[in-house]
Amino acid sequence: MQKKVWTILTSLLLLLLGGNAQDLHFSQFMQTPLLINPANTGFIPDGDYRLGVNYRNQWSSLSAFPYKTISAFGDWQLLQNSDQTGWLGAGGLILRDVAGTSLLTSTKVYGSVAYHQMINNGSLLSAGFNVGWANKRINTTDLTFPGQWNGQFFDVHQSAQAPLLATTQSNYLDVQVGVNYAYFPNPETYINAGFSAMHVNRPIESFWANNTGVDNRIAPRYNGFLNASFKVNEQFILQPNLYFSTQANSWEAVGGMAALYNISGDGEYLLSAGAYYRWAESLIPQVGIGIHQLLFNFSYDVTASTLKNFNNRRGAFEFSVIKQGVSNPYRGNRNQSLCPTFR
């Protein structure tokens, strides 16, 4: 069993070394707005600024060195036009991912800009892009390989056929674009859909030499989402969410719903609970609490794929903290872009 698990992890690592590696992702996609679509920059229905941190820990049940991903972002609204029906959004995003004993590390820093224009009193159209620098590096010193298995454990004193890498790090420029549409005909209804394309410049990310005959360019990733918020009464708001992503020969689909409960009556204290499903992979229960302008969310990926035979259904856990608020009171009719709220 131990050998099989380590063989799985090693195979996954070798896939990551090539140009077909898949992007980082979070189960709480609705809490990573700038990551899934740069058009979300400055699109803050409940305020004019937003700050957030996300943390994901995966495969801790398979290895003493789990895969850890953290992101931090911030965005704000500025430069309203004269009739206050359009504005510019600016922001930034930092991503950090460390994978396994190899310390396969990804660091990405992006700057993001979007423009938002009210089409009429009940809809909004947005478009944006981000540009960033990315670095991926690896340390093969502590890696073990199937050839070092002696029947009981991995013997690090045996010679290993480690891959011959041309370099241990890769740097590149990365570009994403996206569009966003929101529809809010009344204070109780809000629907938002968006589409984005990542790696549109097809950067090279590889530790292999470029003359191997392998296309080491990152495949474009296409994301689509549909979010909604429906105020049932002064106690409950329902929030269904759908997300789809495809890259190279891989795809991901996540859907589910959360409910917000107004504890305090004035919207200052909230409870949230929901469940999501990643198609053919995991069930994702989620709970959260809102305190004033802060929203805390915790989720857990319960493995539903064949990997459950190795990890006892223990997948990944995530934690997020989002703060959003108003630094300058809205003027004109900007408040027509608000989501359903208890306040």
C-alpha atoms as a PDB file:
ATOM      1  CA  MET A   1       0.000   0.000   0.000  1.00  0.00           C
ATOM      2  CA  GLN A   2       2.740   2.465   0.941  1.00  0.00           C
ATOM      3  CA  LYS A   3       4.601   1.833  -2.296  1.00  0.00           C
ATOM      4  CA  LYS A   4       1.424   2.277  -4.327  1.00  0.00           C
ATOM      5  CA  VAL A   5       0.615   5.582  -2.646  1.00  0.00           C
ATOM      6  CA  TRP A   6       4.123   6.933  -3.177  1.00  0.00           C
ATOM      7  CA  THR A   7       4.054   5.770  -6.791  1.00  0.00           C
ATOM      8  CA  ILE A   8       0.828   7.744  -7.300  1.00  0.00           C
ATOM      9  CA  LEU A   9       2.325  10.883  -5.760  1.00  0.00           C
ATOM     10  CA  THR A  10       5.571  10.530  -7.731  1.00  0.00           C
ATOM     11  CA  SER A  11       3.648  10.099 -10.982  1.00  0.00           C
ATOM     12  CA  LEU A  12       1.621  13.215 -10.227  1.00  0.00           C
ATOM     13  CA  LEU A  13       4.819  15.121  -9.543  1.00  0.00           C
ATOM     14  CA  LEU A  14       6.396  14.057 -12.835  1.00  0.00           C
ATOM     15  CA  LEU A  15       3.279  15.284 -14.638  1.00  0.00           C
ATOM     16  CA  LEU A  16       3.697  18.642 -12.922  1.00  0.00           C
ATOM     17  CA  LEU A  17       7.245  18.899 -14.256  1.00  0.00           C
ATOM     18  CA  GLY A  18       6.046  19.052 -17.831  1.00  0.00           C
ATOM     19  CA  GLY A  19       4.082  21.594 -19.815  1.00  0.00           C
ATOM     20  CA  ASN A  20       0.732  19.859 -19.218  1.00  0.00           C
ATOM     21  CA  ALA A  21       0.543  20.730 -15.529  1.00  0.00           C
ATOM     22  CA  GLN A  22      -2.865  21.919 -14.349  1.00  0.00           C
ATOM     23  CA  ASP A  23      -3.470  25.218 -12.583  1.00  0.00           C
ATOM     24  CA  LEU A  24      -4.074  25.703  -8.888  1.00  0.00           C
ATOM     25  CA  HIS A  25      -7.677  25.771  -7.767  1.00  0.00           C
ATOM     26  CA  PHE A  26      -9.836  26.228  -4.680  1.00  0.00           C
ATOM     27  CA  SER A  27     -13.075  24.473  -3.807  1.00  0.00           C
ATOM     28  CA  GLN A  28     -14.358  27.805  -2.472  1.00  0.00           C
ATOM     29  CA  PHE A  29     -14.210  29.325  -5.946  1.00  0.00           C
ATOM     30  CA  MET A  30     -16.822  31.928  -5.009  1.00  0.00           C
ATOM     31  CA  GLN A  31     -14.340  33.278  -2.411  1.00  0.00           C
ATOM     32  CA  THR A  32     -11.520  33.712  -4.989  1.00  0.00           C
ATOM     33  CA  PRO A  33     -13.022  36.331  -7.331  1.00  0.00           C
ATOM     34  CA  LEU A  34      -9.810  37.699  -8.848  1.00  0.00           C
ATOM     35  CA  LEU A  35      -8.406  34.212  -9.444  1.00  0.00           C
ATOM     36  CA  ILE A  36     -11.277  32.885 -11.546  1.00  0.00           C
ATOM     37  CA  ASN A  37     -11.972  36.095 -13.487  1.00  0.00           C
ATOM     38  CA  PRO A  38     -10.095  39.422 -13.655  1.00  0.00           C
ATOM     39  CA  ALA A  39     -13.381  41.121 -14.616  1.00  0.00           C
ATOM     40  CA  ASN A  40     -14.373  40.671 -10.957  1.00  0.00           C
ATOM     41  CA  THR A  41     -11.762  43.279  -9.998  1.00  0.00           C
ATOM     42  CA  GLY A  42     -13.635  46.141  -8.375  1.00  0.00           C
ATOM     43  CA  PHE A  43     -16.951  44.334  -8.814  1.00  0.00           C
ATOM     44  CA  ILE A  44     -17.943  44.463  -5.145  1.00  0.00           C
ATOM     45  CA  PRO A  45     -21.733  44.568  -4.861  1.00  0.00           C
ATOM     46  CA  ASP A  46     -21.703  45.145  -1.082  1.00  0.00           C
ATOM     47  CA  GLY A  47     -18.985  47.803  -0.907  1.00  0.00           C
ATOM     48  CA  ASP A  48     -16.160  49.620  -2.669  1.00  0.00           C
ATOM     49  CA  TYR A  49     -13.153  47.656  -1.372  1.00  0.00           C
ATOM     50  CA  ARG A  50     -12.405  44.008  -0.588  1.00  0.00           C
ATOM     51  CA  LEU A  51      -9.573  42.024   1.009  1.00  0.00           C
ATOM     52  CA  GLY A  52      -9.273  38.253   1.207  1.00  0.00           C
ATOM     53  CA  VAL A  53      -7.072  35.313   2.169  1.00  0.00           C
ATOM     54  CA  ASN A  54      -7.572  31.661   1.148  1.00  0.00           C
ATOM     55  CA  TYR A  55      -5.739  28.560   2.384  1.00  0.00           C
ATOM     56  CA  ARG A  56      -5.971  24.981   1.048  1.00  0.00           C
ATOM     57  CA  ASN A  57      -4.320  21.850   2.473  1.00  0.00           C
ATOM     58  CA  GLN A  58      -4.577  18.715   0.302  1.00  0.00           C
ATOM     59  CA  TRP A  59      -3.506  15.063   0.622  1.00  0.00           C
ATOM     60  CA  SER A  60      -2.335  15.296   4.222  1.00  0.00           C
ATOM     61  CA  SER A  61      -3.777  11.785   4.681  1.00  0.00           C
ATOM     62  CA  LEU A  62      -1.401  10.408   2.018  1.00  0.00           C
ATOM     63  CA  SER A  63       1.813  12.170   2.930  1.00  0.00           C
ATOM     64  CA  ALA A  64       3.567  13.957   5.758  1.00  0.00           C
ATOM     65  CA  PHE A  65       4.196  16.689   3.183  1.00  0.00           C
ATOM     66  CA  PRO A  66       0.748  17.757   1.935  1.00  0.00           C
ATOM     67  CA  TYR A  67       0.109  20.159  -0.890  1.00  0.00           C
ATOM     68  CA  LYS A  68      -0.477  23.644   0.529  1.00  0.00           C
ATOM     69  CA  THR A  69      -1.897  26.591  -1.378  1.00  0.00           C
ATOM     70  CA  ILE A  70      -2.437  30.127  -0.123  1.00  0.00           C
ATOM     71  CA  SER A  71      -3.708  33.229  -1.869  1.00  0.00           C
ATOM     72  CA  ALA A  72      -4.140  36.831  -0.812  1.00  0.00           C
ATOM     73  CA  PHE A  73      -5.965  39.486  -2.803  1.00  0.00           C
ATOM     74  CA  GLY A  74      -7.330  42.987  -2.585  1.00  0.00           C
ATOM     75  CA  ASP A  75      -9.328  45.214  -4.908  1.00  0.00           C
ATOM     76  CA  TRP A  76     -11.182  48.500  -4.819  1.00  0.00           C
ATOM     77  CA  GLN A  77     -13.359  50.816  -6.916  1.00  0.00           C
ATOM     78  CA  LEU A  78     -12.173  54.164  -8.235  1.00  0.00           C
ATOM     79  CA  LEU A  79     -12.580  56.738 -10.997  1.00  0.00           C
ATOM     80  CA  GLN A  80     -16.362  56.921 -11.259  1.00  0.00           C
ATOM     81  CA  ASN A  81     -17.614  58.638 -14.400  1.00  0.00           C
ATOM     82  CA  SER A  82     -19.635  61.869 -14.271  1.00  0.00           C
ATOM     83  CA  ASP A  83     -23.056  60.229 -13.964  1.00  0.00           C
ATOM     84  CA  GLN A  84     -21.684  57.580 -11.604  1.00  0.00           C
ATOM     85  CA  THR A  85     -22.904  54.644 -13.698  1.00  0.00           C
ATOM     86  CA  GLY A  86     -19.422  53.392 -14.550  1.00  0.00           C
ATOM     87  CA  TRP A  87     -16.229  52.876 -12.595  1.00  0.00           C
ATOM     88  CA  LEU A  88     -12.778  51.364 -12.737  1.00  0.00           C
ATOM     89  CA  GLY A  89     -11.603  48.524 -10.529  1.00  0.00           C
ATOM     90  CA  ALA A  90      -7.979  47.866  -9.574  1.00  0.00           C
ATOM     91  CA  GLY A  91      -6.452  45.127  -7.488  1.00  0.00           C
ATOM     92  CA  GLY A  92      -3.757  42.553  -6.937  1.00  0.00           C
ATOM     93  CA  LEU A  93      -3.415  38.832  -6.282  1.00  0.00           C
ATOM     94  CA  ILE A  94      -0.622  36.720  -4.779  1.00  0.00           C
ATOM     95  CA  LEU A  95      -0.561  32.905  -5.051  1.00  0.00           C
ATOM     96  CA  ARG A  96       1.819  30.523  -3.295  1.00  0.00           C
ATOM     97  CA  ASP A  97       1.749  26.724  -3.620  1.00  0.00           C
ATOM     98  CA  VAL A  98       4.136  24.141  -2.117  1.00  0.00           C
ATOM     99  CA  ALA A  99       3.765  20.506  -3.209  1.00  0.00           C
ATOM    100  CA  GLY A 100       5.187  17.476  -1.426  1.00  0.00           C
ATOM    101  CA  THR A 101       8.728  16.490  -0.433  1.00  0.00           C
ATOM    102  CA  SER A 102      10.159  17.991  -3.602  1.00  0.00           C
ATOM    103  CA  LEU A 103       9.077  21.422  -2.421  1.00  0.00           C
ATOM    104  CA  LEU A 104       7.701  22.009  -5.902  1.00  0.00           C
ATOM    105  CA  THR A 105       6.895  25.666  -5.328  1.00  0.00           C
ATOM    106  CA  SER A 106       4.814  28.059  -7.399  1.00  0.00           C
ATOM    107  CA  THR A 107       4.720  31.791  -6.725  1.00  0.00           C
ATOM    108  CA  LYS A 108       2.544  34.130  -8.774  1.00  0.00           C
ATOM    109  CA  VAL A 109       1.911  37.861  -8.457  1.00  0.00           C
ATOM    110  CA  TYR A 110      -0.704  39.640 -10.569  1.00  0.00           C
ATOM    111  CA  GLY A 111      -1.968  43.169 -11.038  1.00  0.00           C
ATOM    112  CA  SER A 112      -5.583  43.411 -12.199  1.00  0.00           C
ATOM    113  CA  VAL A 113      -7.769  46.087 -13.827  1.00  0.00           C
ATOM    114  CA  ALA A 114     -11.432  46.041 -14.885  1.00  0.00           C
ATOM    115  CA  TYR A 115     -14.055  48.504 -16.076  1.00  0.00           C
ATOM    116  CA  HIS A 116     -17.712  48.266 -15.015  1.00  0.00           C
ATOM    117  CA  GLN A 117     -20.604  49.940 -16.804  1.00  0.00           C
ATOM    118  CA  MET A 118     -24.254  50.027 -15.780  1.00  0.00           C
ATOM    119  CA  ILE A 119     -26.326  49.135 -18.861  1.00  0.00           C
ATOM    120  CA  ASN A 120     -29.625  50.191 -17.293  1.00  0.00           C
ATOM    121  CA  ASN A 121     -31.130  50.321 -13.833  1.00  0.00           C
ATOM    122  CA  GLY A 122     -30.907  46.557 -13.416  1.00  0.00           C
ATOM    123  CA  SER A 123     -27.797  45.222 -15.126  1.00  0.00           C
ATOM    124  CA  LEU A 124     -24.055  45.703 -15.272  1.00  0.00           C
ATOM    125  CA  LEU A 125     -21.379  44.674 -17.808  1.00  0.00           C
ATOM    126  CA  SER A 126     -17.697  44.316 -16.875  1.00  0.00           C
ATOM    127  CA  ALA A 127     -14.453  43.498 -18.688  1.00  0.00           C
ATOM    128  CA  GLY A 128     -10.968  43.146 -17.251  1.00  0.00           C
ATOM    129  CA  PHE A 129      -7.504  41.685 -17.494  1.00  0.00           C
ATOM    130  CA  ASN A 130      -4.539  40.910 -15.293  1.00  0.00           C
ATOM    131  CA  VAL A 131      -0.825  40.658 -15.962  1.00  0.00           C
ATOM    132  CA  GLY A 132       1.641  38.962 -13.674  1.00  0.00           C
ATOM    133  CA  TRP A 133       4.934  37.267 -13.005  1.00  0.00           C
ATOM    134  CA  ALA A 134       5.139  33.590 -12.172  1.00  0.00           C
ATOM    135  CA  ASN A 135       7.938  31.406 -10.805  1.00  0.00           C
ATOM    136  CA  LYS A 136       8.035  27.634 -10.347  1.00  0.00           C
ATOM    137  CA  ARG A 137      10.963  25.835  -8.756  1.00  0.00           C
ATOM    138  CA  ILE A 138      11.772  22.335  -7.575  1.00  0.00           C
ATOM    139  CA  ASN A 139      14.185  20.602  -5.189  1.00  0.00           C
ATOM    140  CA  THR A 140      14.714  16.913  -6.068  1.00  0.00           C
ATOM    141  CA  THR A 141      17.116  16.229  -3.181  1.00  0.00           C
ATOM    142  CA  ASP A 142      14.530  14.663  -0.874  1.00  0.00           C
ATOM    143  CA  LEU A 143      12.545  12.811  -3.542  1.00  0.00           C
ATOM    144  CA  THR A 144      12.273   9.011  -3.566  1.00  0.00           C
ATOM    145  CA  PHE A 145      11.537   6.873  -6.631  1.00  0.00           C
ATOM    146  CA  PRO A 146      10.014   3.401  -7.161  1.00  0.00           C
ATOM    147  CA  GLY A 147      13.479   1.925  -7.859  1.00  0.00           C
ATOM    148  CA  GLN A 148      14.488   2.654  -4.242  1.00  0.00           C
ATOM    149  CA  TRP A 149      11.721   0.463  -2.767  1.00  0.00           C
ATOM    150  CA  ASN A 150      13.297  -2.607  -1.118  1.00  0.00           C
ATOM    151  CA  GLY A 151      10.063  -4.348  -0.238  1.00  0.00           C
ATOM    152  CA  GLN A 152       9.629  -2.681   3.141  1.00  0.00           C
ATOM    153  CA  PHE A 153      10.653   0.957   2.772  1.00  0.00           C
ATOM    154  CA  PHE A 154      12.353   3.396   0.434  1.00  0.00           C
ATOM    155  CA  ASP A 155      16.115   3.044   0.785  1.00  0.00           C
ATOM    156  CA  VAL A 156      17.548   6.498   0.159  1.00  0.00           C
ATOM    157  CA  HIS A 157      21.047   5.007  -0.090  1.00  0.00           C
ATOM    158  CA  GLN A 158      20.132   3.218  -3.304  1.00  0.00           C
ATOM    159  CA  SER A 159      20.789   5.133  -6.499  1.00  0.00           C
ATOM    160  CA  ALA A 160      17.654   6.656  -7.978  1.00  0.00           C
ATOM    161  CA  GLN A 161      16.896   7.415 -11.587  1.00  0.00           C
ATOM    162  CA  ALA A 162      15.881  10.989 -11.015  1.00  0.00           C
ATOM    163  CA  PRO A 163      14.767  12.964 -14.063  1.00  0.00           C
ATOM    164  CA  LEU A 164      17.507  14.945 -15.746  1.00  0.00           C
ATOM    165  CA  LEU A 165      16.312  18.521 -15.593  1.00  0.00           C
ATOM    166  CA  ALA A 166      17.646  21.395 -17.648  1.00  0.00           C
ATOM    167  CA  THR A 167      16.862  23.844 -14.827  1.00  0.00           C
ATOM    168  CA  THR A 168      15.302  23.807 -11.376  1.00  0.00           C
ATOM    169  CA  GLN A 169      13.181  26.921 -11.854  1.00  0.00           C
ATOM    170  CA  SER A 170      11.065  28.611 -14.484  1.00  0.00           C
ATOM    171  CA  ASN A 171       9.994  32.267 -14.756  1.00  0.00           C
ATOM    172  CA  TYR A 172       7.443  33.716 -17.134  1.00  0.00           C
ATOM    173  CA  LEU A 173       4.937  36.509 -17.835  1.00  0.00           C
ATOM    174  CA  ASP A 174       1.273  35.510 -17.578  1.00  0.00           C
ATOM    175  CA  VAL A 175      -1.887  37.211 -18.918  1.00  0.00           C
ATOM    176  CA  GLN A 176      -5.607  36.601 -18.232  1.00  0.00           C
ATOM    177  CA  VAL A 177      -8.757  38.277 -19.623  1.00  0.00           C
ATOM    178  CA  GLY A 178     -12.420  38.061 -18.665  1.00  0.00           C
ATOM    179  CA  VAL A 179     -15.953  39.444 -18.962  1.00  0.00           C
ATOM    180  CA  ASN A 180     -18.770  39.588 -16.423  1.00  0.00           C
ATOM    181  CA  TYR A 181     -22.497  40.304 -16.473  1.00  0.00           C
ATOM    182  CA  ALA A 182     -24.787  40.988 -13.507  1.00  0.00           C
ATOM    183  CA  TYR A 183     -28.579  41.234 -13.443  1.00  0.00           C
ATOM    184  CA  PHE A 184     -30.436  42.649 -10.419  1.00  0.00           C
ATOM    185  CA  PRO A 185     -34.037  43.587 -11.271  1.00  0.00           C
ATOM    186  CA  ASN A 186     -35.042  44.092  -7.621  1.00  0.00           C
ATOM    187  CA  PRO A 187     -33.471  44.098  -4.129  1.00  0.00           C
ATOM    188  CA  GLU A 188     -34.322  40.405  -3.628  1.00  0.00           C
ATOM    189  CA  THR A 189     -32.753  39.022  -6.813  1.00  0.00           C
ATOM    190  CA  TYR A 190     -29.184  38.995  -8.079  1.00  0.00           C
ATOM    191  CA  ILE A 191     -27.707  36.866 -10.908  1.00  0.00           C
ATOM    192  CA  ASN A 192     -24.098  37.019 -12.071  1.00  0.00           C
ATOM    193  CA  ALA A 193     -22.360  35.139 -14.920  1.00  0.00           C
ATOM    194  CA  GLY A 194     -18.797  35.386 -16.180  1.00  0.00           C
ATOM    195  CA  PHE A 195     -16.218  33.888 -18.527  1.00  0.00           C
ATOM    196  CA  SER A 196     -12.430  34.150 -18.477  1.00  0.00           C
ATOM    197  CA  ALA A 197      -9.428  32.877 -20.425  1.00  0.00           C
ATOM    198  CA  MET A 198      -6.137  32.288 -18.613  1.00  0.00           C
ATOM    199  CA  HIS A 199      -2.599  32.063 -20.053  1.00  0.00           C
ATOM    200  CA  VAL A 200      -3.687  33.754 -23.290  1.00  0.00           C
ATOM    201  CA  ASN A 201      -0.032  34.491 -24.085  1.00  0.00           C
ATOM    202  CA  ARG A 202       0.833  30.738 -23.846  1.00  0.00           C
ATOM    203  CA  PRO A 203       3.940  31.112 -21.594  1.00  0.00           C
ATOM    204  CA  ILE A 204       6.500  28.309 -21.272  1.00  0.00           C
ATOM    205  CA  GLU A 205       6.593  26.592 -17.884  1.00  0.00           C
ATOM    206  CA  SER A 206       8.955  23.618 -17.803  1.00  0.00           C
ATOM    207  CA  PHE A 207      12.111  22.241 -16.217  1.00  0.00           C
ATOM    208  CA  TRP A 208      12.977  20.335 -19.383  1.00  0.00           C
ATOM    209  CA  ALA A 209      15.069  21.640 -22.269  1.00  0.00           C
ATOM    210  CA  ASN A 210      13.052  23.387 -24.981  1.00  0.00           C
ATOM    211  CA  ASN A 211      14.515  21.161 -27.722  1.00  0.00           C
ATOM    212  CA  THR A 212      12.898  17.941 -26.445  1.00  0.00           C
ATOM    213  CA  GLY A 213      10.148  18.098 -29.065  1.00  0.00           C
ATOM    214  CA  VAL A 214       7.506  18.555 -26.355  1.00  0.00           C
ATOM    215  CA  ASP A 215       5.243  21.597 -26.345  1.00  0.00           C
ATOM    216  CA  ASN A 216       6.096  23.134 -22.959  1.00  0.00           C
ATOM    217  CA  ARG A 217       3.715  26.060 -23.307  1.00  0.00           C
ATOM    218  CA  ILE A 218       0.937  26.273 -20.718  1.00  0.00           C
ATOM    219  CA  ALA A 219      -2.403  25.317 -22.213  1.00  0.00           C
ATOM    220  CA  PRO A 220      -5.074  28.046 -22.006  1.00  0.00           C
ATOM    221  CA  ARG A 221      -7.570  27.574 -19.215  1.00  0.00           C
ATOM    222  CA  TYR A 222     -11.188  28.636 -19.723  1.00  0.00           C
ATOM    223  CA  ASN A 223     -13.450  29.365 -16.754  1.00  0.00           C
ATOM    224  CA  GLY A 224     -17.170  29.978 -16.583  1.00  0.00           C
ATOM    225  CA  PHE A 225     -19.383  30.612 -13.573  1.00  0.00           C
ATOM    226  CA  LEU A 226     -22.976  31.379 -12.663  1.00  0.00           C
ATOM    227  CA  ASN A 227     -23.794  32.802  -9.232  1.00  0.00           C
ATOM    228  CA  ALA A 228     -27.093  33.962  -7.803  1.00  0.00           C
ATOM    229  CA  SER A 229     -28.500  35.368  -4.584  1.00  0.00           C
ATOM    230  CA  PHE A 230     -32.179  35.246  -3.632  1.00  0.00           C
ATOM    231  CA  LYS A 231     -33.549  36.904  -0.518  1.00  0.00           C
ATOM    232  CA  VAL A 232     -36.330  34.667   0.793  1.00  0.00           C
ATOM    233  CA  ASN A 233     -37.207  36.865   3.766  1.00  0.00           C
ATOM    234  CA  GLU A 234     -35.489  38.910   6.462  1.00  0.00           C
ATOM    235  CA  GLN A 235     -33.936  35.729   7.895  1.00  0.00           C
ATOM    236  CA  PHE A 236     -32.677  33.764   4.881  1.00  0.00           C
ATOM    237  CA  ILE A 237     -30.748  34.352   1.651  1.00  0.00           C
ATOM    238  CA  LEU A 238     -30.084  31.443  -0.740  1.00  0.00           C
ATOM    239  CA  GLN A 239     -26.940  31.478  -2.895  1.00  0.00           C
ATOM    240  CA  PRO A 240     -26.633  28.813  -5.638  1.00  0.00           C
ATOM    241  CA  ASN A 241     -23.279  28.640  -7.470  1.00  0.00           C
ATOM    242  CA  LEU A 242     -21.984  26.834 -10.566  1.00  0.00           C
ATOM    243  CA  TYR A 243     -18.419  26.739 -11.854  1.00  0.00           C
ATOM    244  CA  PHE A 244     -16.826  25.066 -14.879  1.00  0.00           C
ATOM    245  CA  SER A 245     -13.196  25.038 -15.975  1.00  0.00           C
ATOM    246  CA  THR A 246     -11.319  23.287 -18.769  1.00  0.00           C
ATOM    247  CA  GLN A 247      -7.616  23.129 -19.589  1.00  0.00           C
ATOM    248  CA  ALA A 248      -5.934  20.862 -22.144  1.00  0.00           C
ATOM    249  CA  ASN A 249      -7.596  17.445 -21.695  1.00  0.00           C
ATOM    250  CA  SER A 250      -8.845  18.121 -18.165  1.00  0.00           C
ATOM    251  CA  TRP A 251     -12.050  19.706 -16.937  1.00  0.00           C
ATOM    252  CA  GLU A 252     -13.710  20.482 -13.634  1.00  0.00           C
ATOM    253  CA  ALA A 253     -17.326  21.169 -12.719  1.00  0.00           C
ATOM    254  CA  VAL A 254     -18.519  22.270  -9.283  1.00  0.00           C
ATOM    255  CA  GLY A 255     -22.043  23.137  -8.204  1.00  0.00           C
ATOM    256  CA  GLY A 256     -24.050  23.607  -5.060  1.00  0.00           C
ATOM    257  CA  MET A 257     -25.795  26.085  -2.811  1.00  0.00           C
ATOM    258  CA  ALA A 258     -25.319  27.897   0.487  1.00  0.00           C
ATOM    259  CA  ALA A 259     -27.854  29.529   2.793  1.00  0.00           C
ATOM    260  CA  LEU A 260     -27.246  32.642   4.904  1.00  0.00           C
ATOM    261  CA  TYR A 261     -29.092  33.024   8.203  1.00  0.00           C
ATOM    262  CA  ASN A 262     -29.502  36.429   9.839  1.00  0.00           C
ATOM    263  CA  ILE A 263     -28.686  35.817  13.517  1.00  0.00           C
ATOM    264  CA  SER A 264     -28.763  39.349  14.857  1.00  0.00           C
ATOM    265  CA  GLY A 265     -31.653  40.686  12.810  1.00  0.00           C
ATOM    266  CA  ASP A 266     -29.636  43.635  11.493  1.00  0.00           C
ATOM    267  CA  GLY A 267     -27.246  41.621   9.308  1.00  0.00           C
ATOM    268  CA  GLU A 268     -24.222  42.234  11.527  1.00  0.00           C
ATOM    269  CA  TYR A 269     -23.977  38.554  12.522  1.00  0.00           C
ATOM    270  CA  LEU A 270     -24.628  35.760  10.026  1.00  0.00           C
ATOM    271  CA  LEU A 271     -24.386  31.991   9.826  1.00  0.00           C
ATOM    272  CA  SER A 272     -23.918  30.182   6.529  1.00  0.00           C
ATOM    273  CA  ALA A 273     -24.014  26.521   5.551  1.00  0.00           C
ATOM    274  CA  GLY A 274     -23.966  24.766   2.215  1.00  0.00           C
ATOM    275  CA  ALA A 275     -22.809  21.816   0.172  1.00  0.00           C
ATOM    276  CA  TYR A 276     -21.107  21.541  -3.208  1.00  0.00           C
ATOM    277  CA  TYR A 277     -20.145  18.682  -5.484  1.00  0.00           C
ATOM    278  CA  ARG A 278     -17.086  18.467  -7.732  1.00  0.00           C
ATOM    279  CA  TRP A 279     -18.144  16.140 -10.502  1.00  0.00           C
ATOM    280  CA  ALA A 280     -16.811  12.566 -10.067  1.00  0.00           C
ATOM    281  CA  GLU A 281     -14.313  13.741  -7.461  1.00  0.00           C
ATOM    282  CA  SER A 282     -15.576  15.070  -4.124  1.00  0.00           C
ATOM    283  CA  LEU A 283     -18.446  16.252  -1.939  1.00  0.00           C
ATOM    284  CA  ILE A 284     -17.717  19.620  -0.316  1.00  0.00           C
ATOM    285  CA  PRO A 285     -19.664  20.683   2.791  1.00  0.00           C
ATOM    286  CA  GLN A 286     -19.092  24.276   3.859  1.00  0.00           C
ATOM    287  CA  VAL A 287     -19.873  26.359   6.945  1.00  0.00           C
ATOM    288  CA  GLY A 288     -19.251  30.010   7.694  1.00  0.00           C
ATOM    289  CA  ILE A 289     -19.898  32.928   9.983  1.00  0.00           C
ATOM    290  CA  GLY A 290     -20.190  36.637   9.261  1.00  0.00           C
ATOM    291  CA  ILE A 291     -19.179  39.228  11.846  1.00  0.00           C
ATOM    292  CA  HIS A 292     -19.727  42.831  10.794  1.00  0.00           C
ATOM    293  CA  GLN A 293     -17.693  43.218   7.575  1.00  0.00           C
ATOM    294  CA  LEU A 294     -15.801  39.907   7.931  1.00  0.00           C
ATOM    295  CA  LEU A 295     -16.853  36.559   6.481  1.00  0.00           C
ATOM    296  CA  PHE A 296     -15.122  33.339   7.600  1.00  0.00           C
ATOM    297  CA  ASN A 297     -15.669  30.113   5.640  1.00  0.00           C
ATOM    298  CA  PHE A 298     -14.445  26.546   6.176  1.00  0.00           C
ATOM    299  CA  SER A 299     -14.916  23.664   3.731  1.00  0.00           C
ATOM    300  CA  TYR A 300     -13.774  20.057   3.456  1.00  0.00           C
ATOM    301  CA  ASP A 301     -13.355  17.916   0.328  1.00  0.00           C
ATOM    302  CA  VAL A 302     -14.750  14.432   1.005  1.00  0.00           C
ATOM    303  CA  THR A 303     -13.167  12.249  -1.686  1.00  0.00           C
ATOM    304  CA  ALA A 304     -15.705  10.456  -3.890  1.00  0.00           C
ATOM    305  CA  SER A 305     -13.355   9.204  -6.643  1.00  0.00           C
ATOM    306  CA  THR A 306     -11.351   5.952  -6.648  1.00  0.00           C
ATOM    307  CA  LEU A 307      -8.699   7.763  -4.630  1.00  0.00           C
ATOM    308  CA  LYS A 308     -10.987   7.214  -1.621  1.00  0.00           C
ATOM    309  CA  ASN A 309      -9.494   3.682  -1.411  1.00  0.00           C
ATOM    310  CA  PHE A 310      -6.147   5.225  -0.466  1.00  0.00           C
ATOM    311  CA  ASN A 311      -7.044   8.305   1.580  1.00  0.00           C
ATOM    312  CA  ASN A 312     -10.166   7.050   3.415  1.00  0.00           C
ATOM    313  CA  ARG A 313     -12.161   9.882   1.794  1.00  0.00           C
ATOM    314  CA  ARG A 314      -9.971  12.489   3.499  1.00  0.00           C
ATOM    315  CA  GLY A 315      -9.266  14.993   0.741  1.00  0.00           C
ATOM    316  CA  ALA A 316      -8.563  18.671   1.374  1.00  0.00           C
ATOM    317  CA  PHE A 317      -9.689  21.395   3.724  1.00  0.00           C
ATOM    318  CA  GLU A 318      -9.936  25.097   2.995  1.00  0.00           C
ATOM    319  CA  PHE A 319     -10.293  28.237   5.054  1.00  0.00           C
ATOM    320  CA  SER A 320     -11.055  31.721   3.780  1.00  0.00           C
ATOM    321  CA  VAL A 321     -11.451  35.180   5.293  1.00  0.00           C
ATOM    322  CA  ILE A 322     -13.041  37.981   3.281  1.00  0.00           C
ATOM    323  CA  LYS A 323     -13.461  41.596   4.374  1.00  0.00           C
ATOM    324  CA  GLN A 324     -15.366  44.094   2.315  1.00  0.00           C
ATOM    325  CA  GLY A 325     -16.735  47.481   3.160  1.00  0.00           C
ATOM    326  CA  VAL A 326     -17.357  51.053   2.087  1.00  0.00           C
ATOM    327  CA  SER A 327     -14.601  53.625   2.347  1.00  0.00           C
ATOM    328  CA  ASN A 328     -16.699  56.319   0.630  1.00  0.00           C
ATOM    329  CA  PRO A 329     -20.523  56.359   0.758  1.00  0.00           C
ATOM    330  CA  TYR A 330     -22.210  55.607  -2.572  1.00  0.00           C
ATOM    331  CA  ARG A 331     -23.425  58.544  -4.594  1.00  0.00           C
ATOM    332  CA  GLY A 332     -26.101  58.746  -7.277  1.00  0.00           C
ATOM    333  CA  ASN A 333     -27.671  55.400  -8.250  1.00  0.00           C
ATOM    334  CA  ARG A 334     -24.673  53.162  -7.570  1.00  0.00           C
ATOM    335  CA  ASN A 335     -26.605  51.395  -4.805  1.00  0.00           C
ATOM    336  CA  GLN A 336     -28.700  49.726  -7.499  1.00  0.00           C
ATOM    337  CA  SER A 337     -25.848  47.235  -7.983  1.00  0.00           C
ATOM    338  CA  LEU A 338     -26.164  45.851  -4.458  1.00  0.00           C
ATOM    339  CA  CYS A 339     -26.728  42.145  -3.784  1.00  0.00           C
ATOM    340  CA  PRO A 340     -29.656  41.107  -1.578  1.00  0.00           C
ATOM    341  CA  THR A 341     -28.656  41.972   1.974  1.00  0.00           C
ATOM    342  CA  PHE A 342     -30.031  41.946   5.508  1.00  0.00           C
ATOM    343  CA  ARG A 343     -28.776  45.485   6.161  1.00  0.00           C
END
